Amino acid sequence: MHELGRRRVVRLACVPLLPAALLLTGCTSLQQPARTAAAGFYAAVSASRWDRACGYLAPETRSQLEQSAGSACPKALADEKLSDPGPVQKLSGAGTMAQVRFRQDTVFMAEFRHGWKVMAADCTPRPDKPYDCQIQG
């Protein structure tokens, strides 16, 4: 699985705590590109296309990954040994933030000038605590 020492905690409370009414106003359909980008990230990981997968990472996330691994993004990402997250089950978000829940993973996305990027991936919810994420910025 994952080395415990490599896990990081991410505090992204704003997306999971969105009011239900806001989620019912059509914001989810506006976040469809976030879902596509999250799925693209995992498709690149699954195909071992590390350069392409790194292109889906937000700048801060990529920088943090490289710093903690002490290597360039493609090698650092390959060393993370991410598993298949399964199919997308739920998408929620508002504005420039989105949460994409796969069967076995949660990914936090943010919209940048050049599209949606992964802010945190391989995240596991913990009751009454922040998500525990393997990759984060």
N, C-alpha and C. Protein backbone atom coordinates (compact mmCIF):
# COMPACT_ATOMS: atom_id res chain seq x y z
N MET A 1 0.86 -1.18 0.00
CA MET A 1 0.00 0.00 0.00
C MET A 1 0.89 1.23 0.00
N HIS A 2 0.69 2.16 0.87
CA HIS A 2 1.47 3.39 0.92
C HIS A 2 2.35 3.38 2.16
N GLU A 3 3.54 3.94 2.03
CA GLU A 3 4.39 4.11 3.19
C GLU A 3 3.75 5.20 4.05
N LEU A 4 3.60 4.92 5.33
CA LEU A 4 2.95 5.86 6.23
C LEU A 4 3.70 7.18 6.28
N GLY A 5 5.02 7.16 6.23
CA GLY A 5 5.81 8.37 6.29
C GLY A 5 5.61 9.28 5.10
N ARG A 6 5.10 8.78 4.00
CA ARG A 6 4.92 9.58 2.79
C ARG A 6 3.54 10.20 2.72
N ARG A 7 2.66 9.82 3.63
CA ARG A 7 1.29 10.34 3.60
C ARG A 7 1.28 11.77 4.12
N ARG A 8 0.37 12.55 3.60
CA ARG A 8 0.22 13.93 4.02
C ARG A 8 -1.25 14.21 4.29
N VAL A 9 -1.51 15.14 5.17
CA VAL A 9 -2.89 15.52 5.47
C VAL A 9 -3.19 16.80 4.73
N VAL A 10 -4.36 16.85 4.11
CA VAL A 10 -4.76 18.05 3.38
C VAL A 10 -6.02 18.61 4.03
N ARG A 11 -6.03 19.89 4.21
CA ARG A 11 -7.19 20.57 4.80
C ARG A 11 -7.92 21.31 3.68
N LEU A 12 -8.90 20.65 3.12
CA LEU A 12 -9.70 21.25 2.05
C LEU A 12 -11.17 21.14 2.46
N ALA A 13 -11.50 21.85 3.50
CA ALA A 13 -12.83 21.73 4.08
C ALA A 13 -13.89 22.44 3.26
N CYS A 14 -13.54 23.42 2.45
CA CYS A 14 -14.56 24.22 1.79
C CYS A 14 -15.38 23.39 0.80
N VAL A 15 -14.78 22.49 0.07
CA VAL A 15 -15.53 21.72 -0.93
C VAL A 15 -16.45 20.70 -0.29
N PRO A 16 -15.98 19.87 0.67
CA PRO A 16 -16.89 18.87 1.22
C PRO A 16 -18.04 19.45 2.02
N LEU A 17 -17.93 20.70 2.48
CA LEU A 17 -18.96 21.26 3.33
C LEU A 17 -19.92 22.19 2.60
N LEU A 18 -19.95 22.12 1.28
CA LEU A 18 -20.86 22.98 0.52
C LEU A 18 -22.30 22.67 0.88
N PRO A 19 -23.12 23.70 0.99
CA PRO A 19 -24.53 23.45 1.29
C PRO A 19 -25.19 22.64 0.18
N ALA A 20 -26.08 21.76 0.56
CA ALA A 20 -26.76 20.91 -0.42
C ALA A 20 -27.50 21.75 -1.46
N ALA A 21 -28.06 22.85 -1.06
CA ALA A 21 -28.79 23.69 -2.02
C ALA A 21 -27.87 24.19 -3.13
N LEU A 22 -26.64 24.54 -2.77
CA LEU A 22 -25.69 25.01 -3.77
C LEU A 22 -25.37 23.91 -4.76
N LEU A 23 -25.24 22.69 -4.27
CA LEU A 23 -24.92 21.58 -5.16
C LEU A 23 -26.08 21.26 -6.11
N LEU A 24 -27.27 21.62 -5.73
CA LEU A 24 -28.43 21.33 -6.56
C LEU A 24 -28.71 22.42 -7.59
N THR A 25 -27.91 23.47 -7.61
CA THR A 25 -28.18 24.58 -8.51
C THR A 25 -27.53 24.43 -9.88
N GLY A 26 -26.89 23.31 -10.12
CA GLY A 26 -26.28 23.10 -11.42
C GLY A 26 -24.77 23.28 -11.41
N CYS A 27 -24.19 23.57 -10.25
CA CYS A 27 -22.74 23.73 -10.17
C CYS A 27 -22.02 22.47 -10.60
N THR A 28 -22.60 21.32 -10.27
CA THR A 28 -21.95 20.07 -10.62
C THR A 28 -21.75 19.96 -12.12
N SER A 29 -22.74 20.33 -12.91
CA SER A 29 -22.59 20.23 -14.36
C SER A 29 -21.54 21.20 -14.87
N LEU A 30 -21.35 22.33 -14.18
CA LEU A 30 -20.32 23.28 -14.57
C LEU A 30 -18.93 22.73 -14.27
N GLN A 31 -18.83 21.76 -13.37
CA GLN A 31 -17.55 21.20 -12.98
C GLN A 31 -17.19 19.95 -13.78
N GLN A 32 -17.96 19.63 -14.80
CA GLN A 32 -17.67 18.44 -15.61
C GLN A 32 -16.23 18.42 -16.12
N PRO A 33 -15.64 19.54 -16.54
CA PRO A 33 -14.23 19.50 -16.94
C PRO A 33 -13.29 19.06 -15.81
N ALA A 34 -13.66 19.30 -14.56
CA ALA A 34 -12.85 18.83 -13.43
C ALA A 34 -12.87 17.31 -13.39
N ARG A 35 -14.02 16.73 -13.61
CA ARG A 35 -14.14 15.26 -13.65
C ARG A 35 -13.29 14.70 -14.77
N THR A 36 -13.35 15.33 -15.94
CA THR A 36 -12.57 14.88 -17.09
C THR A 36 -11.07 14.95 -16.80
N ALA A 37 -10.64 16.03 -16.16
CA ALA A 37 -9.22 16.19 -15.84
C ALA A 37 -8.77 15.16 -14.80
N ALA A 38 -9.58 14.91 -13.78
CA ALA A 38 -9.24 13.92 -12.76
C ALA A 38 -9.13 12.53 -13.38
N ALA A 39 -10.07 12.20 -14.25
CA ALA A 39 -10.02 10.91 -14.94
C ALA A 39 -8.80 10.84 -15.87
N GLY A 40 -8.47 11.95 -16.53
CA GLY A 40 -7.30 12.01 -17.39
C GLY A 40 -6.01 11.79 -16.62
N PHE A 41 -5.94 12.36 -15.42
CA PHE A 41 -4.78 12.16 -14.56
C PHE A 41 -4.58 10.68 -14.28
N TYR A 42 -5.65 10.00 -13.86
CA TYR A 42 -5.52 8.59 -13.53
C TYR A 42 -5.33 7.71 -14.77
N ALA A 43 -5.85 8.13 -15.90
CA ALA A 43 -5.59 7.38 -17.14
C ALA A 43 -4.10 7.45 -17.49
N ALA A 44 -3.50 8.63 -17.32
CA ALA A 44 -2.06 8.78 -17.58
C ALA A 44 -1.25 7.97 -16.58
N VAL A 45 -1.65 7.97 -15.32
CA VAL A 45 -0.95 7.17 -14.30
C VAL A 45 -1.05 5.69 -14.66
N SER A 46 -2.25 5.24 -15.01
CA SER A 46 -2.46 3.83 -15.35
C SER A 46 -1.61 3.39 -16.54
N ALA A 47 -1.39 4.31 -17.48
CA ALA A 47 -0.60 4.00 -18.68
C ALA A 47 0.90 4.28 -18.46
N SER A 48 1.27 4.65 -17.24
CA SER A 48 2.66 5.00 -16.91
C SER A 48 3.19 6.12 -17.79
N ARG A 49 2.31 7.04 -18.14
CA ARG A 49 2.70 8.23 -18.91
C ARG A 49 2.91 9.36 -17.91
N TRP A 50 4.06 9.30 -17.25
CA TRP A 50 4.33 10.17 -16.11
C TRP A 50 4.41 11.64 -16.48
N ASP A 51 5.02 11.97 -17.63
CA ASP A 51 5.07 13.37 -18.05
C ASP A 51 3.66 13.93 -18.22
N ARG A 52 2.82 13.12 -18.86
CA ARG A 52 1.43 13.56 -19.08
C ARG A 52 0.69 13.70 -17.74
N ALA A 53 0.87 12.74 -16.85
CA ALA A 53 0.21 12.80 -15.54
C ALA A 53 0.68 14.04 -14.77
N CYS A 54 1.96 14.36 -14.86
CA CYS A 54 2.49 15.54 -14.17
C CYS A 54 1.85 16.81 -14.71
N GLY A 55 1.48 16.80 -15.98
CA GLY A 55 0.82 17.96 -16.58
C GLY A 55 -0.55 18.25 -15.98
N TYR A 56 -1.15 17.27 -15.35
CA TYR A 56 -2.45 17.45 -14.69
C TYR A 56 -2.32 18.02 -13.29
N LEU A 57 -1.12 18.05 -12.74
CA LEU A 57 -0.94 18.54 -11.38
C LEU A 57 -0.89 20.06 -11.33
N ALA A 58 -1.48 20.63 -10.29
CA ALA A 58 -1.39 22.07 -10.05
C ALA A 58 0.08 22.41 -9.78
N PRO A 59 0.50 23.62 -10.10
CA PRO A 59 1.91 23.98 -9.90
C PRO A 59 2.42 23.73 -8.48
N GLU A 60 1.66 24.12 -7.49
CA GLU A 60 2.08 23.92 -6.10
C GLU A 60 2.15 22.44 -5.75
N THR A 61 1.23 21.65 -6.25
CA THR A 61 1.22 20.22 -6.00
C THR A 61 2.44 19.56 -6.61
N ARG A 62 2.73 19.92 -7.86
CA ARG A 62 3.91 19.37 -8.54
C ARG A 62 5.19 19.75 -7.79
N SER A 63 5.29 21.00 -7.39
CA SER A 63 6.46 21.48 -6.66
C SER A 63 6.64 20.72 -5.35
N GLN A 64 5.56 20.56 -4.61
CA GLN A 64 5.61 19.85 -3.33
C GLN A 64 6.02 18.40 -3.52
N LEU A 65 5.49 17.75 -4.55
CA LEU A 65 5.85 16.36 -4.85
C LEU A 65 7.34 16.24 -5.15
N GLU A 66 7.84 17.13 -5.99
CA GLU A 66 9.26 17.10 -6.36
C GLU A 66 10.16 17.37 -5.16
N GLN A 67 9.76 18.33 -4.33
CA GLN A 67 10.57 18.64 -3.14
C GLN A 67 10.61 17.48 -2.16
N SER A 68 9.46 16.88 -1.90
CA SER A 68 9.43 15.79 -0.91
C SER A 68 10.13 14.54 -1.43
N ALA A 69 10.10 14.31 -2.75
CA ALA A 69 10.73 13.12 -3.33
C ALA A 69 12.20 13.36 -3.66
N GLY A 70 12.57 14.61 -3.84
CA GLY A 70 13.94 14.92 -4.22
C GLY A 70 14.25 14.51 -5.65
N SER A 71 13.22 14.47 -6.49
CA SER A 71 13.42 14.12 -7.90
C SER A 71 12.37 14.82 -8.75
N ALA A 72 12.59 14.79 -10.06
CA ALA A 72 11.66 15.42 -10.99
C ALA A 72 10.30 14.73 -10.92
N CYS A 73 9.27 15.46 -11.32
CA CYS A 73 7.90 14.97 -11.20
C CYS A 73 7.67 13.58 -11.79
N PRO A 74 8.10 13.30 -13.02
CA PRO A 74 7.80 11.97 -13.56
C PRO A 74 8.31 10.82 -12.68
N LYS A 75 9.52 10.92 -12.20
CA LYS A 75 10.06 9.86 -11.33
C LYS A 75 9.35 9.87 -9.98
N ALA A 76 9.14 11.06 -9.43
CA ALA A 76 8.48 11.17 -8.13
C ALA A 76 7.07 10.58 -8.18
N LEU A 77 6.34 10.86 -9.24
CA LEU A 77 4.98 10.35 -9.37
C LEU A 77 4.98 8.83 -9.57
N ALA A 78 5.92 8.32 -10.36
CA ALA A 78 6.03 6.87 -10.55
C ALA A 78 6.32 6.17 -9.22
N ASP A 79 7.16 6.79 -8.40
CA ASP A 79 7.52 6.21 -7.11
C ASP A 79 6.36 6.19 -6.11
N GLU A 80 5.34 7.00 -6.34
CA GLU A 80 4.18 7.03 -5.44
C GLU A 80 3.34 5.76 -5.53
N LYS A 81 3.44 5.06 -6.64
CA LYS A 81 2.72 3.79 -6.84
C LYS A 81 1.22 3.92 -6.55
N LEU A 82 0.60 4.88 -7.22
CA LEU A 82 -0.84 5.10 -7.06
C LEU A 82 -1.60 3.91 -7.62
N SER A 83 -2.67 3.53 -6.95
CA SER A 83 -3.49 2.41 -7.42
C SER A 83 -4.68 2.93 -8.23
N ASP A 84 -5.32 2.03 -8.94
CA ASP A 84 -6.49 2.37 -9.74
C ASP A 84 -7.60 2.84 -8.80
N PRO A 85 -8.16 4.03 -9.05
CA PRO A 85 -9.18 4.54 -8.14
C PRO A 85 -10.57 3.97 -8.39
N GLY A 86 -10.76 3.26 -9.49
CA GLY A 86 -12.09 2.79 -9.84
C GLY A 86 -12.86 3.88 -10.56
N PRO A 87 -14.13 3.65 -10.82
CA PRO A 87 -14.92 4.65 -11.56
C PRO A 87 -15.29 5.86 -10.70
N VAL A 88 -15.58 6.97 -11.37
CA VAL A 88 -16.06 8.16 -10.69
C VAL A 88 -17.45 7.87 -10.14
N GLN A 89 -17.67 8.24 -8.90
CA GLN A 89 -18.97 8.02 -8.28
C GLN A 89 -19.73 9.30 -7.98
N LYS A 90 -18.99 10.38 -7.73
CA LYS A 90 -19.67 11.62 -7.38
C LYS A 90 -18.77 12.81 -7.70
N LEU A 91 -19.39 13.89 -8.11
CA LEU A 91 -18.70 15.13 -8.39
C LEU A 91 -19.43 16.25 -7.66
N SER A 92 -18.68 17.05 -6.92
CA SER A 92 -19.29 18.20 -6.26
C SER A 92 -18.32 19.36 -6.34
N GLY A 93 -18.86 20.55 -6.26
CA GLY A 93 -17.99 21.70 -6.32
C GLY A 93 -18.76 22.98 -6.51
N ALA A 94 -18.01 24.06 -6.46
CA ALA A 94 -18.57 25.38 -6.68
C ALA A 94 -17.44 26.28 -7.15
N GLY A 95 -17.75 27.14 -8.10
CA GLY A 95 -16.75 28.08 -8.58
C GLY A 95 -15.56 27.38 -9.18
N THR A 96 -14.40 27.65 -8.62
CA THR A 96 -13.16 27.11 -9.17
C THR A 96 -12.62 25.92 -8.39
N MET A 97 -13.42 25.34 -7.52
CA MET A 97 -13.00 24.18 -6.73
C MET A 97 -13.95 23.02 -6.98
N ALA A 98 -13.40 21.82 -6.99
CA ALA A 98 -14.24 20.63 -7.17
C ALA A 98 -13.63 19.44 -6.43
N GLN A 99 -14.49 18.53 -6.07
CA GLN A 99 -14.09 17.28 -5.45
C GLN A 99 -14.62 16.17 -6.34
N VAL A 100 -13.73 15.30 -6.79
CA VAL A 100 -14.13 14.17 -7.62
C VAL A 100 -13.91 12.91 -6.79
N ARG A 101 -15.01 12.21 -6.52
CA ARG A 101 -14.91 10.98 -5.73
C ARG A 101 -14.99 9.78 -6.65
N PHE A 102 -13.92 9.01 -6.62
CA PHE A 102 -13.88 7.73 -7.31
C PHE A 102 -14.29 6.67 -6.29
N ARG A 103 -14.42 5.43 -6.72
CA ARG A 103 -14.80 4.37 -5.78
C ARG A 103 -13.76 4.24 -4.66
N GLN A 104 -12.46 4.35 -5.01
CA GLN A 104 -11.41 4.12 -4.01
C GLN A 104 -10.48 5.31 -3.83
N ASP A 105 -10.93 6.50 -4.14
CA ASP A 105 -10.08 7.68 -4.03
C ASP A 105 -10.95 8.93 -4.09
N THR A 106 -10.42 10.00 -3.53
CA THR A 106 -11.01 11.32 -3.68
C THR A 106 -9.92 12.25 -4.19
N VAL A 107 -10.26 13.06 -5.19
CA VAL A 107 -9.31 13.99 -5.79
C VAL A 107 -9.89 15.39 -5.65
N PHE A 108 -9.06 16.34 -5.22
CA PHE A 108 -9.46 17.73 -5.12
C PHE A 108 -8.88 18.47 -6.32
N MET A 109 -9.72 19.22 -7.00
CA MET A 109 -9.35 19.91 -8.23
C MET A 109 -9.55 21.42 -8.06
N ALA A 110 -8.78 22.18 -8.83
CA ALA A 110 -8.95 23.64 -8.87
C ALA A 110 -8.82 24.08 -10.32
N GLU A 111 -9.57 25.11 -10.67
CA GLU A 111 -9.52 25.63 -12.03
C GLU A 111 -8.47 26.73 -12.10
N PHE A 112 -7.57 26.58 -13.05
CA PHE A 112 -6.52 27.56 -13.32
C PHE A 112 -6.77 28.16 -14.69
N ARG A 113 -5.98 29.12 -15.05
CA ARG A 113 -6.12 29.79 -16.35
C ARG A 113 -6.13 28.78 -17.51
N HIS A 114 -5.32 27.73 -17.39
CA HIS A 114 -5.20 26.76 -18.48
C HIS A 114 -5.92 25.45 -18.18
N GLY A 115 -6.97 25.51 -17.41
CA GLY A 115 -7.79 24.32 -17.17
C GLY A 115 -7.75 23.84 -15.73
N TRP A 116 -8.42 22.71 -15.52
CA TRP A 116 -8.53 22.11 -14.20
C TRP A 116 -7.28 21.30 -13.88
N LYS A 117 -6.80 21.43 -12.65
CA LYS A 117 -5.59 20.75 -12.20
C LYS A 117 -5.84 20.04 -10.88
N VAL A 118 -5.07 18.99 -10.65
CA VAL A 118 -5.15 18.21 -9.42
C VAL A 118 -4.41 18.94 -8.30
N MET A 119 -5.14 19.29 -7.27
CA MET A 119 -4.55 19.91 -6.08
C MET A 119 -4.12 18.84 -5.07
N ALA A 120 -4.90 17.78 -4.97
CA ALA A 120 -4.59 16.68 -4.05
C ALA A 120 -5.21 15.41 -4.62
N ALA A 121 -4.47 14.31 -4.49
CA ALA A 121 -4.95 13.02 -5.02
C ALA A 121 -4.63 11.89 -4.05
N ASP A 122 -5.31 10.80 -4.27
CA ASP A 122 -5.20 9.62 -3.41
C ASP A 122 -5.52 10.02 -1.99
N CYS A 123 -6.69 10.65 -1.84
CA CYS A 123 -7.15 11.16 -0.56
C CYS A 123 -8.19 10.23 0.06
N THR A 124 -8.03 10.00 1.33
CA THR A 124 -8.93 9.14 2.08
C THR A 124 -9.64 9.98 3.14
N PRO A 125 -10.98 9.92 3.17
CA PRO A 125 -11.68 10.68 4.21
C PRO A 125 -11.45 10.04 5.58
N ARG A 126 -11.44 10.89 6.61
CA ARG A 126 -11.31 10.43 7.99
C ARG A 126 -12.40 11.13 8.78
N PRO A 127 -13.20 10.40 9.52
CA PRO A 127 -14.29 11.02 10.28
C PRO A 127 -13.78 12.14 11.19
N ASP A 128 -14.41 13.29 11.08
CA ASP A 128 -14.13 14.46 11.92
C ASP A 128 -12.68 14.95 11.82
N LYS A 129 -12.00 14.62 10.72
CA LYS A 129 -10.63 15.07 10.52
C LYS A 129 -10.44 15.43 9.04
N PRO A 130 -9.37 16.15 8.72
CA PRO A 130 -9.10 16.46 7.30
C PRO A 130 -8.79 15.17 6.52
N TYR A 131 -8.95 15.24 5.20
CA TYR A 131 -8.59 14.12 4.35
C TYR A 131 -7.10 13.81 4.50
N ASP A 132 -6.76 12.54 4.36
CA ASP A 132 -5.37 12.10 4.35
C ASP A 132 -5.01 11.86 2.88
N CYS A 133 -4.09 12.67 2.33
CA CYS A 133 -3.76 12.62 0.91
C CYS A 133 -2.31 12.24 0.68
N GLN A 134 -2.11 11.34 -0.26
CA GLN A 134 -0.75 10.94 -0.61
C GLN A 134 -0.06 12.05 -1.41
N ILE A 135 -0.77 12.70 -2.29
CA ILE A 135 -0.21 13.77 -3.11
C ILE A 135 -1.00 15.04 -2.84
N GLN A 136 -0.29 16.12 -2.53
CA GLN A 136 -0.97 17.40 -2.28
C GLN A 136 0.00 18.54 -2.46
N GLY A 137 -0.57 19.72 -2.64
CA GLY A 137 0.24 20.92 -2.79
C GLY A 137 0.18 21.79 -1.58
